[in-house]
Amino acid sequence: MAAIDTTALTKRCGDTVVLTDLDLTADAGARIAEYSNRTRQKVAYIQAVLTAGAERSQTLEDVFLEPTADDPAEETRSPSTRR
């Protein structure tokens, strides 16, 4: 795999990062696209969580500290041991 030139210039264009002066292989380009896609999915998830919390009139702390069905251990902890 070819090394990526770390001196390449980068700039922000909306939500797209434009890389200049790079000689990217197809593999490297595909990995960058995959990372970008995963990042967009994470941002969409966080926005959905924040929106759901706002709709229920909860604080940000309530949204992130609220026990979920996915984490039964969290529900069984005493309030003093919860983060």
PDB file of N, CA and C in Angstrom:
ATOM      1  N   MET A   1       0.854  -1.173   0.000  1.00  0.00           N
ATOM      2  CA  MET A   1       0.000   0.000   0.000  1.00  0.00           C
ATOM      3  C   MET A   1       0.901   1.237   0.000  1.00  0.00           C
ATOM      4  N   ALA A   2       0.560   2.180  -0.822  1.00  0.00           N
ATOM      5  CA  ALA A   2       1.343   3.410  -0.932  1.00  0.00           C
ATOM      6  C   ALA A   2       1.084   4.309   0.272  1.00  0.00           C
ATOM      7  N   ALA A   3       2.135   4.974   0.713  1.00  0.00           N
ATOM      8  CA  ALA A   3       2.002   5.902   1.837  1.00  0.00           C
ATOM      9  C   ALA A   3       1.305   7.177   1.384  1.00  0.00           C
ATOM     10  N   ILE A   4       0.506   7.736   2.246  1.00  0.00           N
ATOM     11  CA  ILE A   4      -0.185   8.990   1.947  1.00  0.00           C
ATOM     12  C   ILE A   4       0.706  10.137   2.390  1.00  0.00           C
ATOM     13  N   ASP A   5       0.864  11.110   1.530  1.00  0.00           N
ATOM     14  CA  ASP A   5       1.694  12.277   1.816  1.00  0.00           C
ATOM     15  C   ASP A   5       1.046  13.082   2.929  1.00  0.00           C
ATOM     16  N   THR A   6       1.670  13.115   4.103  1.00  0.00           N
ATOM     17  CA  THR A   6       1.074  13.812   5.246  1.00  0.00           C
ATOM     18  C   THR A   6       1.187  15.322   5.132  1.00  0.00           C
ATOM     19  N   THR A   7       1.912  15.813   4.146  1.00  0.00           N
ATOM     20  CA  THR A   7       2.013  17.263   3.977  1.00  0.00           C
ATOM     21  C   THR A   7       0.911  17.791   3.066  1.00  0.00           C
ATOM     22  N   ALA A   8       0.000  16.908   2.669  1.00  0.00           N
ATOM     23  CA  ALA A   8      -1.085  17.322   1.780  1.00  0.00           C
ATOM     24  C   ALA A   8      -1.918  18.426   2.434  1.00  0.00           C
ATOM     25  N   LEU A   9      -2.408  19.307   1.633  1.00  0.00           N
ATOM     26  CA  LEU A   9      -3.260  20.388   2.129  1.00  0.00           C
ATOM     27  C   LEU A   9      -4.682  19.883   2.277  1.00  0.00           C
ATOM     28  N   THR A  10      -5.343  20.295   3.342  1.00  0.00           N
ATOM     29  CA  THR A  10      -6.740  19.944   3.533  1.00  0.00           C
ATOM     30  C   THR A  10      -7.524  21.214   3.793  1.00  0.00           C
ATOM     31  N   LYS A  11      -8.769  21.207   3.400  1.00  0.00           N
ATOM     32  CA  LYS A  11      -9.653  22.330   3.707  1.00  0.00           C
ATOM     33  C   LYS A  11     -11.069  21.820   3.849  1.00  0.00           C
ATOM     34  N   ARG A  12     -11.867  22.517   4.637  1.00  0.00           N
ATOM     35  CA  ARG A  12     -13.261  22.137   4.852  1.00  0.00           C
ATOM     36  C   ARG A  12     -14.137  22.806   3.810  1.00  0.00           C
ATOM     37  N   CYS A  13     -15.045  22.046   3.243  1.00  0.00           N
ATOM     38  CA  CYS A  13     -16.030  22.562   2.293  1.00  0.00           C
ATOM     39  C   CYS A  13     -17.382  22.029   2.732  1.00  0.00           C
ATOM     40  N   GLY A  14     -18.088  22.765   3.568  1.00  0.00           N
ATOM     41  CA  GLY A  14     -19.353  22.265   4.092  1.00  0.00           C
ATOM     42  C   GLY A  14     -19.061  21.056   4.962  1.00  0.00           C
ATOM     43  N   ASP A  15     -19.650  19.905   4.638  1.00  0.00           N
ATOM     44  CA  ASP A  15     -19.380  18.707   5.418  1.00  0.00           C
ATOM     45  C   ASP A  15     -18.422  17.772   4.686  1.00  0.00           C
ATOM     46  N   THR A  16     -17.733  18.286   3.679  1.00  0.00           N
ATOM     47  CA  THR A  16     -16.806  17.476   2.893  1.00  0.00           C
ATOM     48  C   THR A  16     -15.384  17.958   3.128  1.00  0.00           C
ATOM     49  N   VAL A  17     -14.486  17.052   3.377  1.00  0.00           N
ATOM     50  CA  VAL A  17     -13.080  17.396   3.496  1.00  0.00           C
ATOM     51  C   VAL A  17     -12.436  17.131   2.147  1.00  0.00           C
ATOM     52  N   VAL A  18     -11.823  18.145   1.588  1.00  0.00           N
ATOM     53  CA  VAL A  18     -11.184  18.028   0.283  1.00  0.00           C
ATOM     54  C   VAL A  18      -9.689  17.846   0.497  1.00  0.00           C
ATOM     55  N   LEU A  19      -9.148  16.764  -0.023  1.00  0.00           N
ATOM     56  CA  LEU A  19      -7.710  16.512   0.087  1.00  0.00           C
ATOM     57  C   LEU A  19      -7.064  16.896  -1.231  1.00  0.00           C
ATOM     58  N   THR A  20      -6.010  17.674  -1.143  1.00  0.00           N
ATOM     59  CA  THR A  20      -5.316  18.082  -2.357  1.00  0.00           C
ATOM     60  C   THR A  20      -3.884  17.583  -2.320  1.00  0.00           C
ATOM     61  N   ASP A  21      -3.243  17.512  -3.467  1.00  0.00           N
ATOM     62  CA  ASP A  21      -1.853  17.086  -3.596  1.00  0.00           C
ATOM     63  C   ASP A  21      -1.623  15.669  -3.083  1.00  0.00           C
ATOM     64  N   LEU A  22      -2.585  14.774  -3.291  1.00  0.00           N
ATOM     65  CA  LEU A  22      -2.430  13.388  -2.867  1.00  0.00           C
ATOM     66  C   LEU A  22      -2.472  12.465  -4.070  1.00  0.00           C
ATOM     67  N   ASP A  23      -1.697  11.432  -4.003  1.00  0.00           N
ATOM     68  CA  ASP A  23      -1.752  10.382  -5.001  1.00  0.00           C
ATOM     69  C   ASP A  23      -2.391   9.180  -4.318  1.00  0.00           C
ATOM     70  N   LEU A  24      -3.724   9.131  -4.311  1.00  0.00           N
ATOM     71  CA  LEU A  24      -4.438   8.089  -3.583  1.00  0.00           C
ATOM     72  C   LEU A  24      -4.620   6.848  -4.442  1.00  0.00           C
ATOM     73  N   THR A  25      -4.387   5.710  -3.844  1.00  0.00           N
ATOM     74  CA  THR A  25      -4.712   4.469  -4.526  1.00  0.00           C
ATOM     75  C   THR A  25      -6.212   4.260  -4.403  1.00  0.00           C
ATOM     76  N   ALA A  26      -6.763   3.359  -5.200  1.00  0.00           N
ATOM     77  CA  ALA A  26      -8.195   3.074  -5.126  1.00  0.00           C
ATOM     78  C   ALA A  26      -8.559   2.550  -3.739  1.00  0.00           C
ATOM     79  N   ASP A  27      -7.679   1.750  -3.141  1.00  0.00           N
ATOM     80  CA  ASP A  27      -7.927   1.201  -1.809  1.00  0.00           C
ATOM     81  C   ASP A  27      -7.995   2.315  -0.765  1.00  0.00           C
ATOM     82  N   ALA A  28      -7.054   3.231  -0.815  1.00  0.00           N
ATOM     83  CA  ALA A  28      -7.048   4.334   0.145  1.00  0.00           C
ATOM     84  C   ALA A  28      -8.291   5.198  -0.035  1.00  0.00           C
ATOM     85  N   GLY A  29      -8.671   5.458  -1.282  1.00  0.00           N
ATOM     86  CA  GLY A  29      -9.877   6.241  -1.546  1.00  0.00           C
ATOM     87  C   GLY A  29     -11.114   5.561  -0.990  1.00  0.00           C
ATOM     88  N   ALA A  30     -11.181   4.242  -1.139  1.00  0.00           N
ATOM     89  CA  ALA A  30     -12.334   3.487  -0.626  1.00  0.00           C
ATOM     90  C   ALA A  30     -12.378   3.543   0.901  1.00  0.00           C
ATOM     91  N   ARG A  31     -11.208   3.455   1.559  1.00  0.00           N
ATOM     92  CA  ARG A  31     -11.179   3.528   3.018  1.00  0.00           C
ATOM     93  C   ARG A  31     -11.603   4.906   3.510  1.00  0.00           C
ATOM     94  N   ILE A  32     -11.185   5.947   2.816  1.00  0.00           N
ATOM     95  CA  ILE A  32     -11.597   7.306   3.197  1.00  0.00           C
ATOM     96  C   ILE A  32     -13.108   7.460   3.035  1.00  0.00           C
ATOM     97  N   ALA A  33     -13.656   6.936   1.951  1.00  0.00           N
ATOM     98  CA  ALA A  33     -15.103   7.017   1.728  1.00  0.00           C
ATOM     99  C   ALA A  33     -15.863   6.247   2.806  1.00  0.00           C
ATOM    100  N   GLU A  34     -15.357   5.076   3.194  1.00  0.00           N
ATOM    101  CA  GLU A  34     -16.005   4.275   4.235  1.00  0.00           C
ATOM    102  C   GLU A  34     -15.983   5.012   5.570  1.00  0.00           C
ATOM    103  N   TYR A  35     -14.848   5.595   5.919  1.00  0.00           N
ATOM    104  CA  TYR A  35     -14.736   6.353   7.163  1.00  0.00           C
ATOM    105  C   TYR A  35     -15.712   7.525   7.161  1.00  0.00           C
ATOM    106  N   SER A  36     -15.782   8.224   6.037  1.00  0.00           N
ATOM    107  CA  SER A  36     -16.688   9.365   5.912  1.00  0.00           C
ATOM    108  C   SER A  36     -18.137   8.927   6.105  1.00  0.00           C
ATOM    109  N   ASN A  37     -18.488   7.792   5.528  1.00  0.00           N
ATOM    110  CA  ASN A  37     -19.842   7.262   5.641  1.00  0.00           C
ATOM    111  C   ASN A  37     -20.171   6.915   7.091  1.00  0.00           C
ATOM    112  N   ARG A  38     -19.237   6.240   7.784  1.00  0.00           N
ATOM    113  CA  ARG A  38     -19.462   5.881   9.190  1.00  0.00           C
ATOM    114  C   ARG A  38     -19.598   7.128  10.048  1.00  0.00           C
ATOM    115  N   THR A  39     -18.803   8.152   9.762  1.00  0.00           N
ATOM    116  CA  THR A  39     -18.876   9.392  10.528  1.00  0.00           C
ATOM    117  C   THR A  39     -20.245  10.046  10.347  1.00  0.00           C
ATOM    118  N   ARG A  40     -20.746  10.089   9.112  1.00  0.00           N
ATOM    119  CA  ARG A  40     -22.079  10.651   8.866  1.00  0.00           C
ATOM    120  C   ARG A  40     -23.147   9.872   9.619  1.00  0.00           C
ATOM    121  N   GLN A  41     -23.023   8.539   9.674  1.00  0.00           N
ATOM    122  CA  GLN A  41     -23.993   7.718  10.398  1.00  0.00           C
ATOM    123  C   GLN A  41     -23.956   8.020  11.888  1.00  0.00           C
ATOM    124  N   LYS A  42     -22.767   8.183  12.455  1.00  0.00           N
ATOM    125  CA  LYS A  42     -22.640   8.509  13.876  1.00  0.00           C
ATOM    126  C   LYS A  42     -23.263   9.864  14.180  1.00  0.00           C
ATOM    127  N   VAL A  43     -23.006  10.838  13.321  1.00  0.00           N
ATOM    128  CA  VAL A  43     -23.568  12.178  13.522  1.00  0.00           C
ATOM    129  C   VAL A  43     -25.087  12.113  13.454  1.00  0.00           C
ATOM    130  N   ALA A  44     -25.628  11.361  12.498  1.00  0.00           N
ATOM    131  CA  ALA A  44     -27.082  11.223  12.365  1.00  0.00           C
ATOM    132  C   ALA A  44     -27.668  10.574  13.616  1.00  0.00           C
ATOM    133  N   TYR A  45     -26.993   9.571  14.165  1.00  0.00           N
ATOM    134  CA  TYR A  45     -27.466   8.904  15.376  1.00  0.00           C
ATOM    135  C   TYR A  45     -27.480   9.874  16.559  1.00  0.00           C
ATOM    136  N   ILE A  46     -26.401  10.620  16.734  1.00  0.00           N
ATOM    137  CA  ILE A  46     -26.326  11.581  17.841  1.00  0.00           C
ATOM    138  C   ILE A  46     -27.414  12.636  17.699  1.00  0.00           C
ATOM    139  N   GLN A  47     -27.647  13.118  16.475  1.00  0.00           N
ATOM    140  CA  GLN A  47     -28.704  14.104  16.259  1.00  0.00           C
ATOM    141  C   GLN A  47     -30.062  13.520  16.613  1.00  0.00           C
ATOM    142  N   ALA A  48     -30.297  12.252  16.265  1.00  0.00           N
ATOM    143  CA  ALA A  48     -31.574  11.613  16.582  1.00  0.00           C
ATOM    144  C   ALA A  48     -31.760  11.476  18.086  1.00  0.00           C
ATOM    145  N   VAL A  49     -30.698  11.117  18.796  1.00  0.00           N
ATOM    146  CA  VAL A  49     -30.768  10.991  20.253  1.00  0.00           C
ATOM    147  C   VAL A  49     -31.063  12.345  20.885  1.00  0.00           C
ATOM    148  N   LEU A  50     -30.373  13.376  20.422  1.00  0.00           N
ATOM    149  CA  LEU A  50     -30.600  14.710  20.975  1.00  0.00           C
ATOM    150  C   LEU A  50     -32.005  15.197  20.679  1.00  0.00           C
ATOM    151  N   THR A  51     -32.492  14.923  19.480  1.00  0.00           N
ATOM    152  CA  THR A  51     -33.850  15.324  19.113  1.00  0.00           C
ATOM    153  C   THR A  51     -34.873  14.609  19.989  1.00  0.00           C
ATOM    154  N   ALA A  52     -34.697  13.309  20.185  1.00  0.00           N
ATOM    155  CA  ALA A  52     -35.616  12.539  21.025  1.00  0.00           C
ATOM    156  C   ALA A  52     -35.602  13.071  22.453  1.00  0.00           C
ATOM    157  N   GLY A  53     -34.427  13.405  22.945  1.00  0.00           N
ATOM    158  CA  GLY A  53     -34.324  13.948  24.299  1.00  0.00           C
ATOM    159  C   GLY A  53     -35.013  15.292  24.414  1.00  0.00           C
ATOM    160  N   ALA A  54     -34.847  16.138  23.401  1.00  0.00           N
ATOM    161  CA  ALA A  54     -35.476  17.457  23.418  1.00  0.00           C
ATOM    162  C   ALA A  54     -37.000  17.334  23.343  1.00  0.00           C
ATOM    163  N   GLU A  55     -37.477  16.356  22.584  1.00  0.00           N
ATOM    164  CA  GLU A  55     -38.925  16.173  22.461  1.00  0.00           C
ATOM    165  C   GLU A  55     -39.537  15.727  23.780  1.00  0.00           C
ATOM    166  N   ARG A  56     -38.763  15.026  24.595  1.00  0.00           N
ATOM    167  CA  ARG A  56     -39.267  14.578  25.894  1.00  0.00           C
ATOM    168  C   ARG A  56     -38.912  15.563  27.000  1.00  0.00           C
ATOM    169  N   SER A  57     -38.416  16.725  26.627  1.00  0.00           N
ATOM    170  CA  SER A  57     -38.040  17.782  27.573  1.00  0.00           C
ATOM    171  C   SER A  57     -37.020  17.289  28.592  1.00  0.00           C
ATOM    172  N   GLN A  58     -36.045  16.552  28.121  1.00  0.00           N
ATOM    173  CA  GLN A  58     -34.987  16.077  29.004  1.00  0.00           C
ATOM    174  C   GLN A  58     -33.737  16.908  28.774  1.00  0.00           C
ATOM    175  N   THR A  59     -32.891  16.900  29.775  1.00  0.00           N
ATOM    176  CA  THR A  59     -31.612  17.568  29.611  1.00  0.00           C
ATOM    177  C   THR A  59     -30.668  16.633  28.862  1.00  0.00           C
ATOM    178  N   LEU A  60     -29.599  17.183  28.355  1.00  0.00           N
ATOM    179  CA  LEU A  60     -28.601  16.378  27.656  1.00  0.00           C
ATOM    180  C   LEU A  60     -28.056  15.290  28.569  1.00  0.00           C
ATOM    181  N   GLU A  61     -27.826  15.615  29.831  1.00  0.00           N
ATOM    182  CA  GLU A  61     -27.319  14.629  30.776  1.00  0.00           C
ATOM    183  C   GLU A  61     -28.310  13.485  30.956  1.00  0.00           C
ATOM    184  N   ASP A  62     -29.600  13.786  31.026  1.00  0.00           N
ATOM    185  CA  ASP A  62     -30.611  12.747  31.164  1.00  0.00           C
ATOM    186  C   ASP A  62     -30.593  11.787  29.981  1.00  0.00           C
ATOM    187  N   VAL A  63     -30.418  12.332  28.793  1.00  0.00           N
ATOM    188  CA  VAL A  63     -30.432  11.502  27.586  1.00  0.00           C
ATOM    189  C   VAL A  63     -29.280  10.510  27.607  1.00  0.00           C
ATOM    190  N   PHE A  64     -28.089  10.974  27.962  1.00  0.00           N
ATOM    191  CA  PHE A  64     -26.924  10.101  27.882  1.00  0.00           C
ATOM    192  C   PHE A  64     -26.748   9.222  29.115  1.00  0.00           C
ATOM    193  N   LEU A  65     -27.333   9.571  30.236  1.00  0.00           N
ATOM    194  CA  LEU A  65     -27.186   8.765  31.437  1.00  0.00           C
ATOM    195  C   LEU A  65     -28.375   7.863  31.693  1.00  0.00           C
ATOM    196  N   GLU A  66     -29.432   8.001  30.912  1.00  0.00           N
ATOM    197  CA  GLU A  66     -30.635   7.198  31.086  1.00  0.00           C
ATOM    198  C   GLU A  66     -30.324   5.731  30.786  1.00  0.00           C
ATOM    199  N   PRO A  67     -30.699   4.792  31.688  1.00  0.00           N
ATOM    200  CA  PRO A  67     -30.460   3.377  31.409  1.00  0.00           C
ATOM    201  C   PRO A  67     -31.272   2.925  30.201  1.00  0.00           C
ATOM    202  N   THR A  68     -30.723   1.998  29.463  1.00  0.00           N
ATOM    203  CA  THR A  68     -31.419   1.487  28.286  1.00  0.00           C
ATOM    204  C   THR A  68     -31.654  -0.003  28.451  1.00  0.00           C
ATOM    205  N   ALA A  69     -32.560  -0.534  27.638  1.00  0.00           N
ATOM    206  CA  ALA A  69     -32.822  -1.967  27.650  1.00  0.00           C
ATOM    207  C   ALA A  69     -31.603  -2.745  27.180  1.00  0.00           C
ATOM    208  N   ASP A  70     -30.726  -2.089  26.432  1.00  0.00           N
ATOM    209  CA  ASP A  70     -29.514  -2.746  25.928  1.00  0.00           C
ATOM    210  C   ASP A  70     -28.471  -2.932  27.027  1.00  0.00           C
ATOM    211  N   ASP A  71     -28.618  -2.231  28.146  1.00  0.00           N
ATOM    212  CA  ASP A  71     -27.626  -2.287  29.213  1.00  0.00           C
ATOM    213  C   ASP A  71     -28.317  -2.614  30.535  1.00  0.00           C
ATOM    214  N   PRO A  72     -28.694  -3.890  30.745  1.00  0.00           N
ATOM    215  CA  PRO A  72     -29.401  -4.239  31.985  1.00  0.00           C
ATOM    216  C   PRO A  72     -28.564  -4.007  33.238  1.00  0.00           C
ATOM    217  N   ALA A  73     -27.250  -4.067  33.112  1.00  0.00           N
ATOM    218  CA  ALA A  73     -26.392  -3.827  34.275  1.00  0.00           C
ATOM    219  C   ALA A  73     -26.565  -2.402  34.786  1.00  0.00           C
ATOM    220  N   GLU A  74     -26.784  -1.476  33.886  1.00  0.00           N
ATOM    221  CA  GLU A  74     -26.965  -0.073  34.266  1.00  0.00           C
ATOM    222  C   GLU A  74     -28.215   0.088  35.126  1.00  0.00           C
ATOM    223  N   GLU A  75     -29.267  -0.655  34.808  1.00  0.00           N
ATOM    224  CA  GLU A  75     -30.519  -0.529  35.540  1.00  0.00           C
ATOM    225  C   GLU A  75     -30.400  -1.099  36.954  1.00  0.00           C
ATOM    226  N   THR A  76     -29.502  -2.086  37.146  1.00  0.00           N
ATOM    227  CA  THR A  76     -29.401  -2.711  38.456  1.00  0.00           C
ATOM    228  C   THR A  76     -28.429  -2.003  39.382  1.00  0.00           C
ATOM    229  N   ARG A  77     -27.661  -1.077  38.864  1.00  0.00           N
ATOM    230  CA  ARG A  77     -26.724  -0.333  39.707  1.00  0.00           C
ATOM    231  C   ARG A  77     -27.486   0.636  40.599  1.00  0.00           C
ATOM    232  N   SER A  78     -26.927   0.876  41.756  1.00  0.00           N
ATOM    233  CA  SER A  78     -27.546   1.870  42.624  1.00  0.00           C
ATOM    234  C   SER A  78     -27.235   3.256  42.071  1.00  0.00           C
ATOM    235  N   PRO A  79     -28.072   4.240  42.372  1.00  0.00           N
ATOM    236  CA  PRO A  79     -27.827   5.591  41.847  1.00  0.00           C
ATOM    237  C   PRO A  79     -26.457   6.142  42.221  1.00  0.00           C
ATOM    238  N   SER A  80     -25.903   5.733  43.345  1.00  0.00           N
ATOM    239  CA  SER A  80     -24.603   6.263  43.763  1.00  0.00           C
ATOM    240  C   SER A  80     -23.451   5.703  42.924  1.00  0.00           C
ATOM    241  N   THR A  81     -23.658   4.561  42.248  1.00  0.00           N
ATOM    242  CA  THR A  81     -22.576   3.987  41.437  1.00  0.00           C
ATOM    243  C   THR A  81     -22.734   4.288  39.966  1.00  0.00           C
ATOM    244  N   ARG A  82     -23.833   4.898  39.577  1.00  0.00           N
ATOM    245  CA  ARG A  82     -24.003   5.277  38.177  1.00  0.00           C
ATOM    246  C   ARG A  82     -23.114   6.452  37.857  1.00  0.00           C
ATOM    247  N   ARG A  83     -22.645   6.503  36.631  1.00  0.00           N
ATOM    248  CA  ARG A  83     -21.788   7.624  36.217  1.00  0.00           C
ATOM    249  C   ARG A  83     -22.625   8.826  35.902  1.00  0.00           C
TER     250      ARG A  83
END
